[in-house]
Protein backbone atom coordinates (compact mmCIF):
# COMPACT_ATOMS: atom_id res chain seq x y z
CA UNK A 1 -10.97 -11.03 78.24
CA UNK A 2 -8.94 -8.59 80.34
CA UNK A 3 -6.48 -6.94 77.97
CA UNK A 4 -3.50 -4.71 78.80
CA UNK A 5 -2.08 -2.61 75.97
CA UNK A 6 1.44 -1.33 76.64
CA UNK A 7 2.09 1.92 74.80
CA UNK A 8 -1.53 2.76 74.05
CA UNK A 9 -0.84 5.34 71.35
CA UNK A 10 -1.09 5.41 67.56
CA UNK A 11 -1.65 1.66 67.21
CA UNK A 12 -2.78 0.83 70.73
CA UNK A 13 -5.62 3.34 70.91
CA UNK A 14 -7.61 2.10 67.88
CA UNK A 15 -6.77 -1.47 68.87
CA UNK A 16 -8.13 -0.88 72.37
CA UNK A 17 -11.22 0.83 71.02
CA UNK A 18 -12.00 -2.15 68.77
CA UNK A 19 -11.37 -4.67 71.55
CA UNK A 20 -13.63 -2.69 73.90
CA UNK A 21 -16.29 -2.58 71.19
CA UNK A 22 -16.10 -6.38 71.07
CA UNK A 23 -16.80 -6.59 74.78
CA UNK A 24 -13.31 -7.01 76.24
CA UNK A 25 -12.13 -5.15 79.36
CA UNK A 26 -9.23 -3.03 78.12
CA UNK A 27 -6.49 -1.21 80.04
CA UNK A 28 -4.18 1.19 78.21
CA UNK A 29 -0.73 2.07 79.60
CA UNK A 30 1.18 5.22 78.70
CA UNK A 31 4.34 6.67 80.18
CA UNK A 32 2.56 9.94 80.92
CA UNK A 33 -0.95 10.81 82.03
CA UNK A 34 -1.67 12.54 78.70
CA UNK A 35 -4.76 11.81 76.61
CA UNK A 36 -6.62 10.17 79.49
CA UNK A 37 -9.94 11.50 78.23
CA UNK A 38 -9.21 10.15 74.75
CA UNK A 39 -8.64 6.66 76.13
CA UNK A 40 -11.75 6.79 78.32
CA UNK A 41 -13.85 7.93 75.36
CA UNK A 42 -12.66 4.83 73.48
CA UNK A 43 -13.77 2.56 76.32
CA UNK A 44 -10.22 2.03 77.63
CA UNK A 45 -9.23 2.32 81.30
CA UNK A 46 -6.16 4.61 81.24
CA UNK A 47 -3.02 3.81 83.24
CA UNK A 48 0.24 5.73 83.64
CA UNK A 49 3.48 3.79 83.99
CA UNK A 50 6.89 3.10 82.49
CA UNK A 51 7.99 -0.45 81.68
CA UNK A 52 11.62 0.62 81.99
CA UNK A 53 10.95 1.09 85.72
CA UNK A 54 10.24 -2.25 87.46
CA UNK A 55 8.64 -0.44 90.41
CA UNK A 56 5.81 0.76 88.17
CA UNK A 57 4.51 -2.78 87.73
CA UNK A 58 3.12 -2.74 91.26
CA UNK A 59 0.43 -0.36 90.03
CA UNK A 60 -0.64 -2.41 87.01
CA UNK A 61 -3.67 -4.73 87.01
CA UNK A 62 -2.86 -8.40 87.56
CA UNK A 63 -4.53 -11.48 86.14
CA UNK A 64 -4.84 -10.11 82.61
CA UNK A 65 -5.60 -12.60 79.85
CA UNK A 66 -3.87 -10.81 76.96
CA UNK A 67 -1.02 -8.30 76.79
CA UNK A 68 -0.12 -6.35 73.65
CA UNK A 69 3.17 -4.45 73.62
CA UNK A 70 2.95 -1.64 71.05
CA UNK A 71 5.35 0.61 72.94
CA UNK A 72 7.31 3.30 71.08
CA UNK A 73 10.82 4.53 71.71
CA UNK A 74 9.82 8.11 70.95
CA UNK A 75 12.25 8.07 67.98
CA UNK A 76 15.25 7.78 70.29
CA UNK A 77 18.63 6.25 69.55
CA UNK A 78 20.09 2.86 70.44
CA UNK A 79 20.21 3.57 74.18
CA UNK A 80 16.53 4.52 74.25
CA UNK A 81 15.65 1.46 72.16
CA UNK A 82 17.56 -0.79 74.52
CA UNK A 83 15.80 0.65 77.57
CA UNK A 84 12.28 0.62 76.10
CA UNK A 85 12.29 -2.49 73.91
CA UNK A 86 14.88 -4.88 75.31
CA UNK A 87 14.92 -4.08 79.03
CA UNK A 88 11.24 -3.12 79.07
CA UNK A 89 10.34 -6.47 77.53
CA UNK A 90 12.60 -8.27 80.00
CA UNK A 91 10.71 -6.57 82.85
CA UNK A 92 7.38 -7.56 81.30
CA UNK A 93 8.41 -11.20 80.98
CA UNK A 94 9.58 -11.32 84.60
CA UNK A 95 6.30 -9.74 85.76
CA UNK A 96 3.97 -11.79 83.58
CA UNK A 97 5.64 -15.23 83.50
CA UNK A 98 4.29 -16.30 86.93
CA UNK A 99 0.76 -15.31 85.89
CA UNK A 100 -1.71 -17.34 83.84
CA UNK A 101 -1.26 -15.26 80.70
CA UNK A 102 -3.06 -16.39 77.57
CA UNK A 103 -1.26 -14.36 74.90
CA UNK A 104 1.53 -11.77 74.59
CA UNK A 105 1.76 -9.87 71.30
CA UNK A 106 4.89 -7.88 70.53
CA UNK A 107 5.01 -5.49 67.58
CA UNK A 108 8.52 -5.63 66.16
CA UNK A 109 9.55 -4.23 62.78
CA UNK A 110 10.53 -5.44 59.32
CA UNK A 111 13.68 -3.34 59.87
CA UNK A 112 15.13 -6.49 61.48
CA UNK A 113 15.75 -7.64 57.89
CA UNK A 114 18.94 -5.93 56.79
CA UNK A 115 18.83 -7.12 53.17
CA UNK A 116 19.67 -4.40 50.65
CA UNK A 117 19.70 -6.32 47.36
CA UNK A 118 15.97 -6.19 46.60
CA UNK A 119 15.48 -9.83 47.56
CA UNK A 120 12.30 -11.39 48.92
CA UNK A 121 12.39 -11.97 52.67
CA UNK A 122 10.10 -14.11 54.79
CA UNK A 123 10.05 -15.06 58.46
CA UNK A 124 12.88 -17.57 57.97
CA UNK A 125 15.23 -15.02 56.38
CA UNK A 126 18.36 -13.79 58.15
CA UNK A 127 17.87 -10.94 60.63
CA UNK A 128 21.24 -9.21 60.52
CA UNK A 129 20.51 -5.47 60.21
CA UNK A 130 23.29 -2.90 60.09
CA UNK A 131 21.52 -0.25 62.17
CA UNK A 132 22.01 -0.26 65.94
CA UNK A 133 18.34 0.33 66.71
CA UNK A 134 17.29 -2.58 64.50
CA UNK A 135 19.87 -4.78 66.18
CA UNK A 136 18.18 -4.03 69.51
CA UNK A 137 14.86 -5.16 68.02
CA UNK A 138 16.50 -8.44 66.98
CA UNK A 139 17.80 -8.90 70.54
CA UNK A 140 14.31 -8.26 71.88
CA UNK A 141 12.82 -10.86 69.55
CA UNK A 142 15.42 -13.40 70.66
CA UNK A 143 14.62 -12.66 74.30
CA UNK A 144 10.94 -13.40 73.65
CA UNK A 145 11.70 -16.50 71.61
CA UNK A 146 13.90 -17.79 74.40
CA UNK A 147 11.15 -17.16 76.96
CA UNK A 148 8.67 -18.98 74.72
CA UNK A 149 10.97 -22.03 74.58
CA UNK A 150 12.19 -22.19 78.18
CA UNK A 151 9.34 -20.60 80.17
CA UNK A 152 6.37 -21.38 77.92
CA UNK A 153 5.82 -17.64 77.65
CA UNK A 154 2.96 -17.18 75.12
CA UNK A 155 4.74 -14.68 72.87
CA UNK A 156 3.75 -13.92 69.29
CA UNK A 157 6.00 -11.57 67.32
CA UNK A 158 4.58 -9.37 64.57
CA UNK A 159 7.20 -7.78 62.30
CA UNK A 160 5.40 -4.67 61.12
CA UNK A 161 6.26 -2.78 57.92
CA UNK A 162 6.07 1.01 57.59
CA UNK A 163 2.75 2.08 59.09
CA UNK A 164 0.62 4.72 57.43
CA UNK A 165 -2.84 6.07 58.11
CA UNK A 166 -4.38 9.22 59.63
CA UNK A 167 -1.54 11.73 60.31
CA UNK A 168 1.05 9.06 59.51
CA UNK A 169 3.06 8.27 56.39
CA UNK A 170 6.35 10.16 56.18
CA UNK A 171 6.82 10.24 52.40
CA UNK A 172 3.16 11.04 51.79
CA UNK A 173 3.23 13.94 54.25
CA UNK A 174 6.43 15.24 52.64
CA UNK A 175 4.82 14.95 49.21
CA UNK A 176 1.81 16.99 50.31
CA UNK A 177 4.10 19.72 51.70
CA UNK A 178 6.19 19.79 48.52
CA UNK A 179 9.26 18.63 50.47
CA UNK A 180 9.64 15.10 49.09
CA UNK A 181 12.78 14.05 47.26
CA UNK A 182 13.41 10.94 45.17
CA UNK A 183 16.49 9.16 46.48
CA UNK A 184 18.88 8.43 43.62
CA UNK A 185 17.01 6.64 40.83
CA UNK A 186 14.06 5.89 43.13
CA UNK A 187 14.55 2.13 42.94
CA UNK A 188 14.60 1.45 46.68
CA UNK A 189 11.64 -0.70 47.73
CA UNK A 190 9.07 0.43 50.29
CA UNK A 191 7.08 -2.06 52.37
CA UNK A 192 3.94 -0.59 53.90
CA UNK A 193 0.85 -1.47 55.92
CA UNK A 194 -2.22 0.61 56.80
CA UNK A 195 -3.04 1.20 60.46
CA UNK A 196 -6.37 -0.61 60.02
CA UNK A 197 -4.53 -3.76 58.98
CA UNK A 198 -2.01 -3.53 61.82
CA UNK A 199 -4.95 -3.50 64.24
CA UNK A 200 -6.57 -6.39 62.36
CA UNK A 201 -3.37 -8.44 62.45
CA UNK A 202 -3.02 -7.99 66.21
CA UNK A 203 -6.61 -9.07 66.82
CA UNK A 204 -6.11 -12.13 64.62
CA UNK A 205 -2.93 -12.97 66.55
CA UNK A 206 -4.77 -12.59 69.86
CA UNK A 207 -7.53 -14.90 68.66
CA UNK A 208 -5.47 -17.49 66.80
CA UNK A 209 -1.72 -16.94 67.33
CA UNK A 210 0.43 -19.72 68.73
CA UNK A 211 3.31 -19.42 71.16
CA UNK A 212 6.51 -18.71 69.23
CA UNK A 213 4.81 -17.51 66.05
CA UNK A 214 6.62 -14.85 64.00
CA UNK A 215 4.54 -13.09 61.33
CA UNK A 216 5.39 -10.33 58.85
CA UNK A 217 2.71 -7.65 58.74
CA UNK A 218 2.95 -5.98 55.35
CA UNK A 219 0.61 -5.45 52.42
CA UNK A 220 0.57 -7.29 49.11
CA UNK A 221 2.74 -4.96 47.06
CA UNK A 222 6.21 -3.68 47.90
CA UNK A 223 6.69 -0.63 45.69
CA UNK A 224 9.70 1.39 44.64
CA UNK A 225 9.91 4.94 45.86
CA UNK A 226 9.71 6.22 42.27
CA UNK A 227 6.58 4.17 41.51
CA UNK A 228 4.98 5.45 44.71
CA UNK A 229 5.70 9.07 43.81
CA UNK A 230 4.53 8.55 40.21
CA UNK A 231 1.21 7.21 41.51
CA UNK A 232 0.81 10.11 43.98
CA UNK A 233 1.64 12.63 41.26
CA UNK A 234 -0.97 11.20 38.89
CA UNK A 235 -3.57 10.85 41.64
CA UNK A 236 -3.21 14.39 43.00
CA UNK A 237 -2.06 16.23 39.88
CA UNK A 238 1.17 17.38 41.51
CA UNK A 239 4.69 17.37 40.04
CA UNK A 240 7.06 14.49 40.62
CA UNK A 241 9.56 15.24 43.43
CA UNK A 242 13.07 16.13 42.28
CA UNK A 243 15.94 13.72 42.78
CA UNK A 244 18.37 14.00 45.67
CA UNK A 245 21.75 12.47 46.38
CA UNK A 246 21.05 8.89 47.43
CA UNK A 247 23.80 8.93 50.06
CA UNK A 248 22.09 11.84 51.79
CA UNK A 249 18.97 9.71 52.12
CA UNK A 250 20.76 6.83 53.87
CA UNK A 251 21.38 8.28 57.32
CA UNK A 252 19.21 5.57 58.90
CA UNK A 253 20.87 2.68 57.08
CA UNK A 254 17.93 2.16 54.75
CA UNK A 255 17.36 -1.34 53.42
CA UNK A 256 16.00 -2.60 50.12
CA UNK A 257 13.91 -5.78 50.21
CA UNK A 258 10.52 -7.26 49.41
CA UNK A 259 8.71 -8.42 52.53
CA UNK A 260 6.55 -11.51 52.04
CA UNK A 261 3.15 -11.46 53.78
CA UNK A 262 2.20 -15.04 52.81
CA UNK A 263 2.09 -16.23 56.43
CA UNK A 264 -0.10 -13.29 57.45
CA UNK A 265 -2.55 -13.92 54.64
CA UNK A 266 -2.88 -17.56 55.58
CA UNK A 267 -3.56 -16.72 59.24
CA UNK A 268 -7.08 -17.59 60.46
CA UNK A 269 -9.42 -14.66 60.90
CA UNK A 270 -7.44 -12.11 58.90
CA UNK A 271 -8.11 -10.31 55.62
CA UNK A 272 -6.36 -7.18 54.40
CA UNK A 273 -8.66 -4.16 54.28
CA UNK A 274 -6.11 -2.30 52.16
CA UNK A 275 -4.27 -4.88 50.01
CA UNK A 276 -1.90 -2.26 48.54
CA UNK A 277 -0.86 1.32 49.12
CA UNK A 278 -3.33 2.36 46.41
CA UNK A 279 -6.43 1.40 48.38
CA UNK A 280 -4.97 2.65 51.64
CA UNK A 281 -3.80 6.03 50.41
CA UNK A 282 -6.93 6.56 48.34
CA UNK A 283 -8.88 6.19 51.59
CA UNK A 284 -6.55 8.69 53.29
CA UNK A 285 -6.89 11.19 50.43
CA UNK A 286 -10.67 10.90 50.63
CA UNK A 287 -10.55 11.42 54.38
CA UNK A 288 -8.48 14.58 53.87
CA UNK A 289 -10.79 15.84 51.11
CA UNK A 290 -8.00 15.74 48.52
CA UNK A 291 -9.98 13.69 46.01
């Protein structure tokens, strides 16, 4: 297959490397010409372009079989999210719809669930987040779902939980630096997924996903912040982080829910490599030589 990965960075690079290893022809698009050697070394043909600029599509390879959109906003605000996710996706649909595309995978986020009562959410749950950036992600999903219904656009939406792995995992990195704080009583739930399993879920969706599918990508065990810190403290022999004012921790409109991964686990061709944060972070600690 000819595969185009949009936003070939933290997720896209290992995804592209694995697809190339399996014999696919892989193109990786970034907004800048950085890390070209890194992409080539992974067997990926590097491309520079910006999906917020329709003129850039003239330079992209046509007749691709699969497209995976793992683009990042660069941690911008609502305006950046709207340009990159919503308008960028609109441009992609307009460019790709006339082609004979086999599959389009879009990595959304479990932040589209705005629930804050600790309830269990699945793919049928309401997506009414309070945060502006998450609202843009909901709009983007609806755009893709509409294209799937009216234009037979082969979109599959993956709602990805908090990704951790090499160099990634905000609370873990803070814990290692001694900067972590427990928000309030630490009861807020965290939903996580290791990078390896994000890559695995995308490949499974490419192989077996159906137009219009929506799938949560999260591991088996939502965990409270306090339980996570207690486990890290015991594992690494470090003190438990002190408490901080919970309101000070809510600048991003943090939610509190348990994300169900039942649909993911029933998907053909997919098995979690790291079923919980324990297996995943133990692997990361070993990689870093901490245990």
